[in-house]
Amino acid sequence: MRSVSHSARVLPLAAVPLLLQPSAALADESEFWMELAAKGEIAPGTSLKLEVEERRKNGPNEYILGAVVDTEVGDGFSIGGGVEVHDTDGFSEIRPYQQVGYSSGILSLRTRIEERFYDRSDRMALRLRQRVQLSDEIAPRLKAAGSVELLYQLRSRNDGGPQRIDQWRFNTGLTYRVADRLDVTGGYLLQLRPRPGGDTYTHVPQASIAYRF
C-alpha cells in the first residue's frame, strides 16, 4: 500500500540534514568511514552480509571485519545476529550482537544488543542500540535514507563504570544502483556523545560499495 504522495514520502528524508546543521560549528573532530560489502540471500527469507570497513581518524585508524545474518519471521519482522572484530593500532574489540527488526513501507525499526569484549578490560560491556529509519526511492535506481539511533551503555567495560547514553547518531545518505548487482552509497553521519564535562561531536562522511549476490 503506497497511497502516500511522493512529496510526503520524501519530506521526512529531506528534514534529516536540518537536524544536523545546528551542531556544525560545535564539532570536535571528523572521521571518514569507507566500507566494502557483499550481501545476498542464502536461503528463502534469510540474508547474509559480509563487510570490511576502514575508519580514518585523526589518530590511529580503525579496521573492522563483520558478518550478520537476518531471517524474516513474518508480518514485517526479522531476527538476526552477527559479529564484528575491531582493531585500532593493536587494541581490539570482539563484538557479537543480536537484533530484531521491523519494516513497513518507508519505515524500519531496529533493536540491537551488543556484547563487547575489549583488550585489557575488567569485564564484558553491554550496549543497547535503538534505530528509526526512513528510506525511499526518489528516482530510478536512486534511494534516499535518513535515520536516528540511540546507543545506550548498559554496562561499562570497567568495574564501577556508569550506565549512560553512549551516543546519538544522525545519519543521511543516497544509494545508487550502478549495475544489477552493485550499489554505491555516499552519506553523512553526526555522532553526539553527551558527557557531564561537555558534549562532543564528530562529523563522519561515509562511502560504501556493496555487491549483491
N, C-alpha and C. Protein backbone atom coordinates (compact mmCIF):
# COMPACT_ATOMS: atom_id res chain seq x y z
N MET A 1 0.84 -1.20 0.00
CA MET A 1 0.00 0.00 0.00
C MET A 1 0.88 1.25 0.00
N ARG A 2 0.85 2.03 -1.09
CA ARG A 2 1.69 3.21 -1.19
C ARG A 2 0.85 4.37 -1.67
N SER A 3 -0.19 4.69 -0.90
CA SER A 3 -1.10 5.77 -1.27
C SER A 3 -0.55 7.13 -0.89
N VAL A 4 0.54 7.17 -0.10
CA VAL A 4 1.11 8.44 0.30
C VAL A 4 1.76 9.09 -0.92
N SER A 5 1.60 10.40 -1.06
CA SER A 5 2.15 11.10 -2.21
C SER A 5 3.66 11.09 -2.17
N HIS A 6 4.28 11.30 -3.33
CA HIS A 6 5.75 11.32 -3.41
C HIS A 6 6.34 12.40 -2.53
N SER A 7 5.73 13.57 -2.49
CA SER A 7 6.27 14.66 -1.67
C SER A 7 6.23 14.30 -0.19
N ALA A 8 5.13 13.70 0.24
CA ALA A 8 5.01 13.35 1.66
C ALA A 8 6.02 12.30 2.05
N ARG A 9 6.39 11.43 1.11
CA ARG A 9 7.37 10.39 1.43
C ARG A 9 8.78 10.95 1.49
N VAL A 10 9.07 11.95 0.68
CA VAL A 10 10.42 12.49 0.62
C VAL A 10 10.69 13.50 1.72
N LEU A 11 9.66 14.22 2.16
CA LEU A 11 9.86 15.28 3.15
C LEU A 11 10.55 14.81 4.42
N PRO A 12 10.18 13.66 5.01
CA PRO A 12 10.90 13.24 6.22
C PRO A 12 12.38 13.04 5.98
N LEU A 13 12.76 12.55 4.79
CA LEU A 13 14.17 12.36 4.49
C LEU A 13 14.87 13.70 4.32
N ALA A 14 14.20 14.65 3.70
CA ALA A 14 14.81 15.96 3.50
C ALA A 14 15.02 16.70 4.80
N ALA A 15 14.24 16.34 5.83
CA ALA A 15 14.37 17.04 7.11
C ALA A 15 15.60 16.63 7.89
N VAL A 16 16.18 15.48 7.56
CA VAL A 16 17.32 14.99 8.35
C VAL A 16 18.50 15.96 8.33
N PRO A 17 18.94 16.49 7.15
CA PRO A 17 20.06 17.43 7.19
C PRO A 17 19.81 18.65 8.06
N LEU A 18 18.55 19.06 8.19
CA LEU A 18 18.26 20.22 9.04
C LEU A 18 18.58 19.93 10.49
N LEU A 19 18.43 18.68 10.91
CA LEU A 19 18.77 18.30 12.28
C LEU A 19 20.27 18.40 12.53
N LEU A 20 21.04 18.28 11.47
CA LEU A 20 22.49 18.24 11.62
C LEU A 20 23.11 19.63 11.64
N GLN A 21 22.50 20.61 11.01
CA GLN A 21 23.12 21.90 10.81
C GLN A 21 23.45 22.66 12.10
N PRO A 22 22.61 22.69 13.13
CA PRO A 22 22.95 23.49 14.31
C PRO A 22 24.24 23.08 14.99
N SER A 23 24.68 21.85 14.84
CA SER A 23 25.87 21.38 15.54
C SER A 23 27.14 21.58 14.73
N ALA A 24 27.05 22.06 13.51
CA ALA A 24 28.22 22.09 12.65
C ALA A 24 29.36 22.88 13.27
N ALA A 25 29.06 24.00 13.91
CA ALA A 25 30.12 24.83 14.48
C ALA A 25 30.69 24.25 15.77
N LEU A 26 30.05 23.20 16.30
CA LEU A 26 30.45 22.66 17.59
C LEU A 26 31.25 21.36 17.45
N ALA A 27 31.54 20.94 16.23
CA ALA A 27 32.21 19.66 16.01
C ALA A 27 33.59 19.67 16.63
N ASP A 28 33.91 18.57 17.35
CA ASP A 28 35.22 18.44 17.96
C ASP A 28 36.23 17.78 17.02
N GLU A 29 35.76 16.91 16.16
CA GLU A 29 36.67 16.19 15.28
C GLU A 29 35.90 15.66 14.08
N SER A 30 36.63 15.06 13.15
CA SER A 30 36.00 14.47 11.98
C SER A 30 36.68 13.15 11.64
N GLU A 31 35.94 12.27 11.00
CA GLU A 31 36.45 10.99 10.55
C GLU A 31 35.94 10.74 9.13
N PHE A 32 36.45 9.67 8.50
CA PHE A 32 35.97 9.27 7.18
C PHE A 32 35.88 7.75 7.18
N TRP A 33 34.66 7.23 6.97
CA TRP A 33 34.43 5.79 7.01
C TRP A 33 34.23 5.25 5.59
N MET A 34 34.94 4.16 5.27
CA MET A 34 34.83 3.50 3.96
C MET A 34 34.53 2.02 4.17
N GLU A 35 33.60 1.49 3.36
CA GLU A 35 33.16 0.11 3.54
C GLU A 35 33.05 -0.60 2.21
N LEU A 36 33.48 -1.87 2.20
CA LEU A 36 33.22 -2.80 1.11
C LEU A 36 32.36 -3.92 1.66
N ALA A 37 31.28 -4.27 0.96
CA ALA A 37 30.36 -5.27 1.49
C ALA A 37 29.87 -6.19 0.38
N ALA A 38 29.48 -7.39 0.78
CA ALA A 38 28.81 -8.34 -0.09
C ALA A 38 27.59 -8.85 0.66
N LYS A 39 26.44 -8.85 0.00
CA LYS A 39 25.22 -9.27 0.69
C LYS A 39 24.27 -9.94 -0.28
N GLY A 40 23.48 -10.85 0.28
CA GLY A 40 22.52 -11.55 -0.56
C GLY A 40 21.78 -12.61 0.22
N GLU A 41 20.86 -13.28 -0.46
CA GLU A 41 20.02 -14.30 0.17
C GLU A 41 20.74 -15.63 0.14
N ILE A 42 20.84 -16.31 1.28
CA ILE A 42 21.49 -17.60 1.36
C ILE A 42 20.49 -18.74 1.55
N ALA A 43 19.24 -18.38 1.83
CA ALA A 43 18.13 -19.33 1.95
C ALA A 43 16.86 -18.50 1.83
N PRO A 44 15.71 -19.11 1.54
CA PRO A 44 14.47 -18.33 1.44
C PRO A 44 14.21 -17.51 2.71
N GLY A 45 14.16 -16.19 2.55
CA GLY A 45 13.89 -15.31 3.68
C GLY A 45 15.08 -15.05 4.59
N THR A 46 16.27 -15.57 4.24
CA THR A 46 17.45 -15.40 5.09
C THR A 46 18.57 -14.75 4.28
N SER A 47 19.13 -13.66 4.81
CA SER A 47 20.18 -12.93 4.11
C SER A 47 21.47 -12.92 4.91
N LEU A 48 22.58 -12.79 4.20
CA LEU A 48 23.92 -12.71 4.79
C LEU A 48 24.61 -11.47 4.27
N LYS A 49 25.29 -10.75 5.18
CA LYS A 49 26.11 -9.61 4.79
C LYS A 49 27.50 -9.75 5.37
N LEU A 50 28.51 -9.61 4.52
CA LEU A 50 29.91 -9.59 4.93
C LEU A 50 30.47 -8.21 4.64
N GLU A 51 31.29 -7.67 5.56
CA GLU A 51 31.79 -6.32 5.36
C GLU A 51 33.21 -6.15 5.88
N VAL A 52 33.91 -5.26 5.20
CA VAL A 52 35.24 -4.81 5.63
C VAL A 52 35.18 -3.29 5.65
N GLU A 53 35.62 -2.68 6.75
CA GLU A 53 35.49 -1.24 6.91
C GLU A 53 36.77 -0.63 7.45
N GLU A 54 37.09 0.56 6.95
CA GLU A 54 38.18 1.36 7.50
C GLU A 54 37.61 2.69 7.97
N ARG A 55 37.96 3.08 9.19
CA ARG A 55 37.53 4.36 9.74
C ARG A 55 38.77 5.23 9.93
N ARG A 56 38.92 6.22 9.09
CA ARG A 56 40.08 7.10 9.16
C ARG A 56 39.84 8.20 10.19
N LYS A 57 40.79 8.32 11.12
CA LYS A 57 40.64 9.25 12.22
C LYS A 57 41.87 10.13 12.33
N ASN A 58 41.81 11.12 13.24
CA ASN A 58 42.97 11.98 13.47
C ASN A 58 44.14 11.19 14.04
N GLY A 59 43.82 10.19 14.88
CA GLY A 59 44.84 9.32 15.43
C GLY A 59 44.92 8.04 14.62
N PRO A 60 45.21 6.90 15.28
CA PRO A 60 45.27 5.62 14.56
C PRO A 60 43.92 5.28 13.93
N ASN A 61 43.96 4.73 12.73
CA ASN A 61 42.73 4.33 12.06
C ASN A 61 42.17 3.05 12.67
N GLU A 62 40.87 2.85 12.48
CA GLU A 62 40.18 1.67 12.98
C GLU A 62 39.77 0.78 11.81
N TYR A 63 39.97 -0.54 11.97
CA TYR A 63 39.64 -1.50 10.92
C TYR A 63 38.64 -2.51 11.49
N ILE A 64 37.64 -2.87 10.66
CA ILE A 64 36.53 -3.70 11.12
C ILE A 64 36.25 -4.80 10.11
N LEU A 65 36.09 -6.03 10.61
CA LEU A 65 35.58 -7.16 9.83
C LEU A 65 34.25 -7.55 10.46
N GLY A 66 33.23 -7.79 9.63
CA GLY A 66 31.93 -8.10 10.19
C GLY A 66 31.12 -9.04 9.33
N ALA A 67 30.18 -9.74 9.98
CA ALA A 67 29.23 -10.61 9.29
C ALA A 67 27.92 -10.60 10.07
N VAL A 68 26.80 -10.61 9.35
CA VAL A 68 25.49 -10.62 10.00
C VAL A 68 24.52 -11.43 9.17
N VAL A 69 23.66 -12.20 9.84
CA VAL A 69 22.61 -12.98 9.21
C VAL A 69 21.26 -12.50 9.74
N ASP A 70 20.30 -12.27 8.84
CA ASP A 70 18.94 -11.88 9.23
C ASP A 70 17.94 -12.82 8.59
N THR A 71 16.89 -13.15 9.34
CA THR A 71 15.84 -14.06 8.85
C THR A 71 14.48 -13.41 9.03
N GLU A 72 13.68 -13.38 7.97
CA GLU A 72 12.32 -12.86 8.04
C GLU A 72 11.43 -13.86 8.77
N VAL A 73 10.64 -13.36 9.72
CA VAL A 73 9.76 -14.25 10.50
C VAL A 73 8.28 -13.93 10.29
N GLY A 74 7.98 -12.99 9.40
CA GLY A 74 6.59 -12.70 9.06
C GLY A 74 6.08 -11.39 9.61
N ASP A 75 5.09 -10.81 8.90
CA ASP A 75 4.43 -9.57 9.31
C ASP A 75 5.42 -8.41 9.43
N GLY A 76 6.45 -8.41 8.61
CA GLY A 76 7.42 -7.32 8.61
C GLY A 76 8.55 -7.47 9.61
N PHE A 77 8.53 -8.51 10.43
CA PHE A 77 9.55 -8.69 11.46
C PHE A 77 10.69 -9.58 10.96
N SER A 78 11.87 -9.32 11.52
CA SER A 78 13.03 -10.15 11.24
C SER A 78 13.86 -10.29 12.52
N ILE A 79 14.60 -11.38 12.61
CA ILE A 79 15.54 -11.56 13.71
C ILE A 79 16.89 -11.92 13.12
N GLY A 80 17.95 -11.59 13.83
CA GLY A 80 19.27 -11.86 13.30
C GLY A 80 20.35 -11.72 14.33
N GLY A 81 21.56 -11.93 13.88
CA GLY A 81 22.72 -11.80 14.74
C GLY A 81 23.98 -11.74 13.92
N GLY A 82 25.03 -11.24 14.53
CA GLY A 82 26.28 -11.12 13.81
C GLY A 82 27.44 -10.91 14.76
N VAL A 83 28.59 -10.62 14.17
CA VAL A 83 29.79 -10.37 14.95
C VAL A 83 30.67 -9.39 14.19
N GLU A 84 31.35 -8.53 14.93
CA GLU A 84 32.33 -7.61 14.37
C GLU A 84 33.63 -7.74 15.15
N VAL A 85 34.75 -7.61 14.44
CA VAL A 85 36.07 -7.57 15.06
C VAL A 85 36.68 -6.21 14.72
N HIS A 86 36.97 -5.43 15.76
CA HIS A 86 37.52 -4.08 15.60
C HIS A 86 38.99 -4.08 16.02
N ASP A 87 39.81 -3.36 15.27
CA ASP A 87 41.22 -3.22 15.64
C ASP A 87 41.65 -1.77 15.42
N THR A 88 42.24 -1.19 16.47
CA THR A 88 42.77 0.17 16.39
C THR A 88 44.19 0.16 16.93
N ASP A 89 45.16 0.14 16.04
CA ASP A 89 46.57 0.17 16.43
C ASP A 89 46.91 -0.93 17.43
N GLY A 90 46.38 -2.14 17.20
CA GLY A 90 46.67 -3.27 18.06
C GLY A 90 45.72 -3.45 19.22
N PHE A 91 44.86 -2.47 19.50
CA PHE A 91 43.84 -2.61 20.55
C PHE A 91 42.58 -3.15 19.90
N SER A 92 42.09 -4.29 20.38
CA SER A 92 41.00 -4.96 19.68
C SER A 92 39.74 -5.07 20.52
N GLU A 93 38.63 -5.21 19.82
CA GLU A 93 37.33 -5.47 20.42
C GLU A 93 36.63 -6.53 19.58
N ILE A 94 36.04 -7.52 20.22
CA ILE A 94 35.20 -8.50 19.55
C ILE A 94 33.77 -8.24 20.00
N ARG A 95 32.87 -8.09 19.02
CA ARG A 95 31.52 -7.59 19.31
C ARG A 95 30.45 -8.47 18.68
N PRO A 96 30.03 -9.55 19.34
CA PRO A 96 28.84 -10.26 18.87
C PRO A 96 27.58 -9.47 19.23
N TYR A 97 26.52 -9.67 18.45
CA TYR A 97 25.28 -8.94 18.72
C TYR A 97 24.08 -9.71 18.19
N GLN A 98 22.90 -9.37 18.74
CA GLN A 98 21.63 -9.92 18.31
C GLN A 98 20.69 -8.75 18.02
N GLN A 99 19.76 -8.96 17.08
CA GLN A 99 18.88 -7.85 16.72
C GLN A 99 17.52 -8.33 16.26
N VAL A 100 16.54 -7.43 16.42
CA VAL A 100 15.18 -7.63 15.94
C VAL A 100 14.82 -6.42 15.09
N GLY A 101 14.24 -6.65 13.93
CA GLY A 101 13.86 -5.56 13.04
C GLY A 101 12.40 -5.62 12.65
N TYR A 102 11.88 -4.46 12.27
CA TYR A 102 10.51 -4.36 11.76
C TYR A 102 10.51 -3.36 10.62
N SER A 103 9.82 -3.71 9.52
CA SER A 103 9.78 -2.84 8.35
C SER A 103 8.36 -2.78 7.80
N SER A 104 7.93 -1.55 7.47
CA SER A 104 6.62 -1.33 6.85
C SER A 104 6.70 -0.11 5.96
N GLY A 105 6.60 -0.30 4.66
CA GLY A 105 6.70 0.82 3.74
C GLY A 105 8.06 1.48 3.81
N ILE A 106 8.08 2.79 4.05
CA ILE A 106 9.34 3.52 4.10
C ILE A 106 9.97 3.51 5.49
N LEU A 107 9.26 2.95 6.47
CA LEU A 107 9.71 2.96 7.87
C LEU A 107 10.34 1.62 8.24
N SER A 108 11.50 1.69 8.93
CA SER A 108 12.08 0.49 9.50
C SER A 108 12.60 0.79 10.90
N LEU A 109 12.45 -0.18 11.80
CA LEU A 109 12.89 -0.06 13.18
C LEU A 109 13.86 -1.21 13.47
N ARG A 110 14.86 -0.93 14.32
CA ARG A 110 15.79 -1.99 14.70
C ARG A 110 16.21 -1.84 16.15
N THR A 111 16.18 -2.96 16.88
CA THR A 111 16.70 -3.03 18.24
C THR A 111 17.85 -4.02 18.25
N ARG A 112 19.00 -3.59 18.76
CA ARG A 112 20.20 -4.44 18.78
C ARG A 112 20.82 -4.41 20.18
N ILE A 113 21.28 -5.58 20.63
CA ILE A 113 22.04 -5.66 21.88
C ILE A 113 23.43 -6.20 21.54
N GLU A 114 24.46 -5.51 22.04
CA GLU A 114 25.84 -5.86 21.74
C GLU A 114 26.58 -6.32 22.99
N GLU A 115 27.32 -7.41 22.88
CA GLU A 115 28.25 -7.84 23.92
C GLU A 115 29.65 -7.46 23.43
N ARG A 116 30.36 -6.65 24.22
CA ARG A 116 31.62 -6.05 23.74
C ARG A 116 32.78 -6.55 24.61
N PHE A 117 33.70 -7.27 23.97
CA PHE A 117 34.86 -7.83 24.65
C PHE A 117 36.11 -7.06 24.22
N TYR A 118 36.68 -6.28 25.13
CA TYR A 118 37.85 -5.44 24.85
C TYR A 118 39.12 -6.07 25.41
N ASP A 119 40.24 -5.71 24.79
CA ASP A 119 41.53 -5.99 25.41
C ASP A 119 41.66 -5.20 26.71
N ARG A 120 42.29 -5.82 27.68
CA ARG A 120 42.66 -5.13 28.93
C ARG A 120 41.46 -4.43 29.59
N SER A 121 40.35 -5.13 29.67
CA SER A 121 39.17 -4.58 30.35
C SER A 121 38.79 -5.47 31.51
N ASP A 122 38.00 -4.93 32.46
CA ASP A 122 37.60 -5.68 33.64
C ASP A 122 36.54 -6.73 33.33
N ARG A 123 35.70 -6.47 32.33
CA ARG A 123 34.56 -7.34 32.09
C ARG A 123 33.96 -7.06 30.71
N MET A 124 33.01 -7.88 30.32
CA MET A 124 32.28 -7.66 29.08
C MET A 124 31.37 -6.44 29.23
N ALA A 125 31.37 -5.57 28.24
CA ALA A 125 30.46 -4.42 28.22
C ALA A 125 29.19 -4.80 27.46
N LEU A 126 28.09 -4.11 27.79
CA LEU A 126 26.82 -4.31 27.11
C LEU A 126 26.31 -2.98 26.57
N ARG A 127 25.80 -2.99 25.35
CA ARG A 127 25.24 -1.75 24.79
C ARG A 127 23.95 -2.06 24.03
N LEU A 128 22.95 -1.21 24.25
CA LEU A 128 21.67 -1.29 23.55
C LEU A 128 21.62 -0.23 22.47
N ARG A 129 21.14 -0.63 21.28
CA ARG A 129 21.01 0.30 20.16
C ARG A 129 19.58 0.27 19.63
N GLN A 130 18.96 1.46 19.52
CA GLN A 130 17.60 1.60 19.01
C GLN A 130 17.62 2.56 17.83
N ARG A 131 17.21 2.07 16.65
CA ARG A 131 17.27 2.90 15.44
C ARG A 131 15.90 3.02 14.77
N VAL A 132 15.61 4.23 14.31
CA VAL A 132 14.44 4.51 13.48
C VAL A 132 14.95 5.03 12.14
N GLN A 133 14.48 4.45 11.04
CA GLN A 133 14.98 4.84 9.71
C GLN A 133 13.84 5.01 8.72
N LEU A 134 13.98 6.01 7.86
CA LEU A 134 13.09 6.21 6.72
C LEU A 134 13.92 6.06 5.45
N SER A 135 13.41 5.33 4.48
CA SER A 135 14.12 5.19 3.21
C SER A 135 13.10 5.03 2.09
N ASP A 136 13.45 5.56 0.92
CA ASP A 136 12.52 5.51 -0.20
C ASP A 136 13.28 5.78 -1.50
N GLU A 137 12.77 5.23 -2.59
CA GLU A 137 13.34 5.51 -3.91
C GLU A 137 12.84 6.87 -4.37
N ILE A 138 13.78 7.77 -4.69
CA ILE A 138 13.41 9.12 -5.09
C ILE A 138 13.62 9.37 -6.58
N ALA A 139 14.25 8.42 -7.26
CA ALA A 139 14.46 8.47 -8.70
C ALA A 139 14.81 7.06 -9.14
N PRO A 140 14.72 6.76 -10.43
CA PRO A 140 15.10 5.42 -10.87
C PRO A 140 16.51 5.04 -10.41
N ARG A 141 16.62 3.93 -9.71
CA ARG A 141 17.89 3.36 -9.22
C ARG A 141 18.53 4.17 -8.10
N LEU A 142 17.82 5.19 -7.58
CA LEU A 142 18.38 6.04 -6.53
C LEU A 142 17.48 6.02 -5.30
N LYS A 143 18.06 5.68 -4.14
CA LYS A 143 17.32 5.62 -2.89
C LYS A 143 17.92 6.58 -1.88
N ALA A 144 17.06 7.28 -1.13
CA ALA A 144 17.49 8.16 -0.05
C ALA A 144 17.10 7.54 1.28
N ALA A 145 17.93 7.78 2.30
CA ALA A 145 17.64 7.24 3.64
C ALA A 145 18.07 8.23 4.70
N GLY A 146 17.36 8.23 5.80
CA GLY A 146 17.73 9.05 6.95
C GLY A 146 17.36 8.29 8.22
N SER A 147 18.20 8.37 9.24
CA SER A 147 17.94 7.61 10.46
C SER A 147 18.41 8.36 11.69
N VAL A 148 17.80 7.99 12.82
CA VAL A 148 18.22 8.46 14.14
C VAL A 148 18.41 7.21 14.99
N GLU A 149 19.55 7.15 15.71
CA GLU A 149 19.83 5.97 16.52
C GLU A 149 20.34 6.38 17.90
N LEU A 150 19.80 5.72 18.92
CA LEU A 150 20.26 5.90 20.29
C LEU A 150 21.12 4.70 20.67
N LEU A 151 22.33 4.96 21.20
CA LEU A 151 23.23 3.92 21.68
C LEU A 151 23.39 4.12 23.19
N TYR A 152 22.93 3.13 23.96
CA TYR A 152 22.89 3.27 25.42
C TYR A 152 23.79 2.23 26.07
N GLN A 153 24.70 2.69 26.91
CA GLN A 153 25.62 1.80 27.61
C GLN A 153 24.93 1.20 28.83
N LEU A 154 24.64 -0.10 28.75
CA LEU A 154 24.01 -0.81 29.86
C LEU A 154 25.02 -1.21 30.92
N ARG A 155 26.24 -1.53 30.47
CA ARG A 155 27.30 -1.90 31.40
C ARG A 155 28.64 -1.50 30.82
N SER A 156 29.45 -0.82 31.61
CA SER A 156 30.77 -0.39 31.19
C SER A 156 31.74 -1.57 31.19
N ARG A 157 32.81 -1.45 30.42
CA ARG A 157 33.83 -2.50 30.40
C ARG A 157 34.69 -2.46 31.66
N ASN A 158 34.61 -1.39 32.44
CA ASN A 158 35.38 -1.25 33.68
C ASN A 158 34.46 -1.30 34.89
N ASP A 159 34.89 -1.97 35.95
CA ASP A 159 34.10 -2.04 37.17
C ASP A 159 33.75 -0.63 37.67
N GLY A 160 32.48 -0.45 38.04
CA GLY A 160 32.05 0.85 38.55
C GLY A 160 31.73 1.88 37.50
N GLY A 161 31.86 1.51 36.22
CA GLY A 161 31.55 2.46 35.16
C GLY A 161 30.06 2.76 35.10
N PRO A 162 29.68 3.90 34.55
CA PRO A 162 28.28 4.32 34.61
C PRO A 162 27.41 3.68 33.53
N GLN A 163 26.11 3.61 33.82
CA GLN A 163 25.11 3.41 32.78
C GLN A 163 24.77 4.80 32.24
N ARG A 164 24.75 4.94 30.91
CA ARG A 164 24.53 6.27 30.35
C ARG A 164 24.25 6.16 28.85
N ILE A 165 23.82 7.28 28.28
CA ILE A 165 23.74 7.38 26.83
C ILE A 165 25.16 7.44 26.28
N ASP A 166 25.51 6.46 25.47
CA ASP A 166 26.83 6.44 24.86
C ASP A 166 26.92 7.49 23.76
N GLN A 167 25.93 7.48 22.88
CA GLN A 167 25.90 8.47 21.80
C GLN A 167 24.56 8.46 21.09
N TRP A 168 24.30 9.55 20.39
CA TRP A 168 23.22 9.66 19.41
C TRP A 168 23.87 9.69 18.04
N ARG A 169 23.21 9.04 17.06
CA ARG A 169 23.71 9.08 15.69
C ARG A 169 22.59 9.57 14.77
N PHE A 170 22.92 10.59 13.97
CA PHE A 170 22.01 11.13 12.96
C PHE A 170 22.66 10.89 11.60
N ASN A 171 21.99 10.12 10.74
CA ASN A 171 22.61 9.66 9.51
C ASN A 171 21.71 9.94 8.31
N THR A 172 22.31 10.35 7.20
CA THR A 172 21.56 10.52 5.96
C THR A 172 22.45 10.09 4.80
N GLY A 173 21.86 9.56 3.73
CA GLY A 173 22.67 9.09 2.62
C GLY A 173 21.85 8.80 1.38
N LEU A 174 22.57 8.63 0.28
CA LEU A 174 21.99 8.28 -1.01
C LEU A 174 22.67 7.01 -1.53
N THR A 175 21.86 6.07 -2.02
CA THR A 175 22.39 4.84 -2.59
C THR A 175 21.97 4.75 -4.05
N TYR A 176 22.96 4.53 -4.94
CA TYR A 176 22.69 4.45 -6.38
C TYR A 176 23.07 3.06 -6.88
N ARG A 177 22.16 2.42 -7.57
CA ARG A 177 22.44 1.10 -8.15
C ARG A 177 23.11 1.29 -9.51
N VAL A 178 24.42 1.14 -9.53
CA VAL A 178 25.18 1.40 -10.75
C VAL A 178 25.11 0.21 -11.70
N ALA A 179 24.81 -0.97 -11.19
CA ALA A 179 24.63 -2.17 -12.00
C ALA A 179 23.65 -3.06 -11.27
N ASP A 180 23.22 -4.14 -11.93
CA ASP A 180 22.21 -5.00 -11.33
C ASP A 180 22.65 -5.55 -9.97
N ARG A 181 23.95 -5.75 -9.78
CA ARG A 181 24.44 -6.35 -8.54
C ARG A 181 25.38 -5.43 -7.76
N LEU A 182 25.40 -4.16 -8.11
CA LEU A 182 26.38 -3.27 -7.47
C LEU A 182 25.72 -1.96 -7.04
N ASP A 183 25.85 -1.63 -5.74
CA ASP A 183 25.33 -0.38 -5.18
C ASP A 183 26.49 0.47 -4.67
N VAL A 184 26.36 1.78 -4.85
CA VAL A 184 27.33 2.73 -4.31
C VAL A 184 26.57 3.71 -3.43
N THR A 185 27.08 3.96 -2.21
CA THR A 185 26.41 4.83 -1.25
C THR A 185 27.35 5.91 -0.76
N GLY A 186 26.83 7.13 -0.70
CA GLY A 186 27.52 8.24 -0.06
C GLY A 186 26.63 8.79 1.04
N GLY A 187 27.22 9.06 2.19
CA GLY A 187 26.40 9.50 3.31
C GLY A 187 27.14 10.41 4.26
N TYR A 188 26.39 10.85 5.26
CA TYR A 188 26.94 11.73 6.30
C TYR A 188 26.37 11.30 7.64
N LEU A 189 27.24 11.18 8.64
CA LEU A 189 26.85 10.77 9.98
C LEU A 189 27.32 11.82 10.98
N LEU A 190 26.41 12.23 11.87
CA LEU A 190 26.78 13.08 13.00
C LEU A 190 26.68 12.25 14.27
N GLN A 191 27.75 12.16 15.02
CA GLN A 191 27.76 11.48 16.31
C GLN A 191 27.78 12.52 17.42
N LEU A 192 26.84 12.38 18.35
CA LEU A 192 26.76 13.25 19.52
C LEU A 192 26.96 12.39 20.76
N ARG A 193 27.94 12.73 21.58
CA ARG A 193 28.22 11.98 22.82
C ARG A 193 27.96 12.90 24.01
N PRO A 194 26.82 12.76 24.68
CA PRO A 194 26.55 13.58 25.88
C PRO A 194 27.44 13.14 27.04
N ARG A 195 28.15 14.09 27.63
CA ARG A 195 29.04 13.80 28.75
C ARG A 195 28.90 14.89 29.80
N PRO A 196 29.10 14.55 31.09
CA PRO A 196 28.97 15.56 32.16
C PRO A 196 29.89 16.75 31.96
N GLY A 197 31.08 16.52 31.43
CA GLY A 197 32.02 17.62 31.23
C GLY A 197 31.82 18.40 29.95
N GLY A 198 30.83 18.03 29.16
CA GLY A 198 30.57 18.72 27.90
C GLY A 198 30.38 17.73 26.77
N ASP A 199 29.40 17.97 25.92
CA ASP A 199 29.12 17.08 24.80
C ASP A 199 30.24 17.16 23.77
N THR A 200 30.46 16.05 23.07
CA THR A 200 31.41 16.03 21.96
C THR A 200 30.69 15.63 20.68
N TYR A 201 31.17 16.13 19.56
CA TYR A 201 30.57 15.89 18.26
C TYR A 201 31.62 15.37 17.29
N THR A 202 31.21 14.49 16.40
CA THR A 202 32.09 14.00 15.34
C THR A 202 31.33 14.01 14.03
N HIS A 203 31.92 14.64 13.01
CA HIS A 203 31.36 14.62 11.65
C HIS A 203 32.00 13.48 10.87
N VAL A 204 31.17 12.66 10.20
CA VAL A 204 31.68 11.47 9.52
C VAL A 204 31.11 11.37 8.11
N PRO A 205 31.83 11.83 7.08
CA PRO A 205 31.46 11.46 5.71
C PRO A 205 31.65 9.95 5.53
N GLN A 206 30.77 9.34 4.73
CA GLN A 206 30.80 7.89 4.54
C GLN A 206 30.72 7.53 3.08
N ALA A 207 31.40 6.44 2.70
CA ALA A 207 31.34 5.93 1.34
C ALA A 207 31.36 4.41 1.40
N SER A 208 30.52 3.76 0.60
CA SER A 208 30.50 2.31 0.61
C SER A 208 30.15 1.76 -0.78
N ILE A 209 30.66 0.57 -1.04
CA ILE A 209 30.34 -0.19 -2.25
C ILE A 209 29.85 -1.55 -1.81
N ALA A 210 28.69 -1.97 -2.32
CA ALA A 210 28.10 -3.24 -1.92
C ALA A 210 27.80 -4.08 -3.14
N TYR A 211 28.29 -5.32 -3.13
CA TYR A 211 27.99 -6.29 -4.19
C TYR A 211 26.85 -7.18 -3.73
N ARG A 212 25.86 -7.34 -4.56
CA ARG A 212 24.69 -8.15 -4.22
C ARG A 212 24.77 -9.49 -4.95
N PHE A 213 24.82 -10.55 -4.19
CA PHE A 213 24.91 -11.89 -4.83
C PHE A 213 23.59 -12.64 -4.74
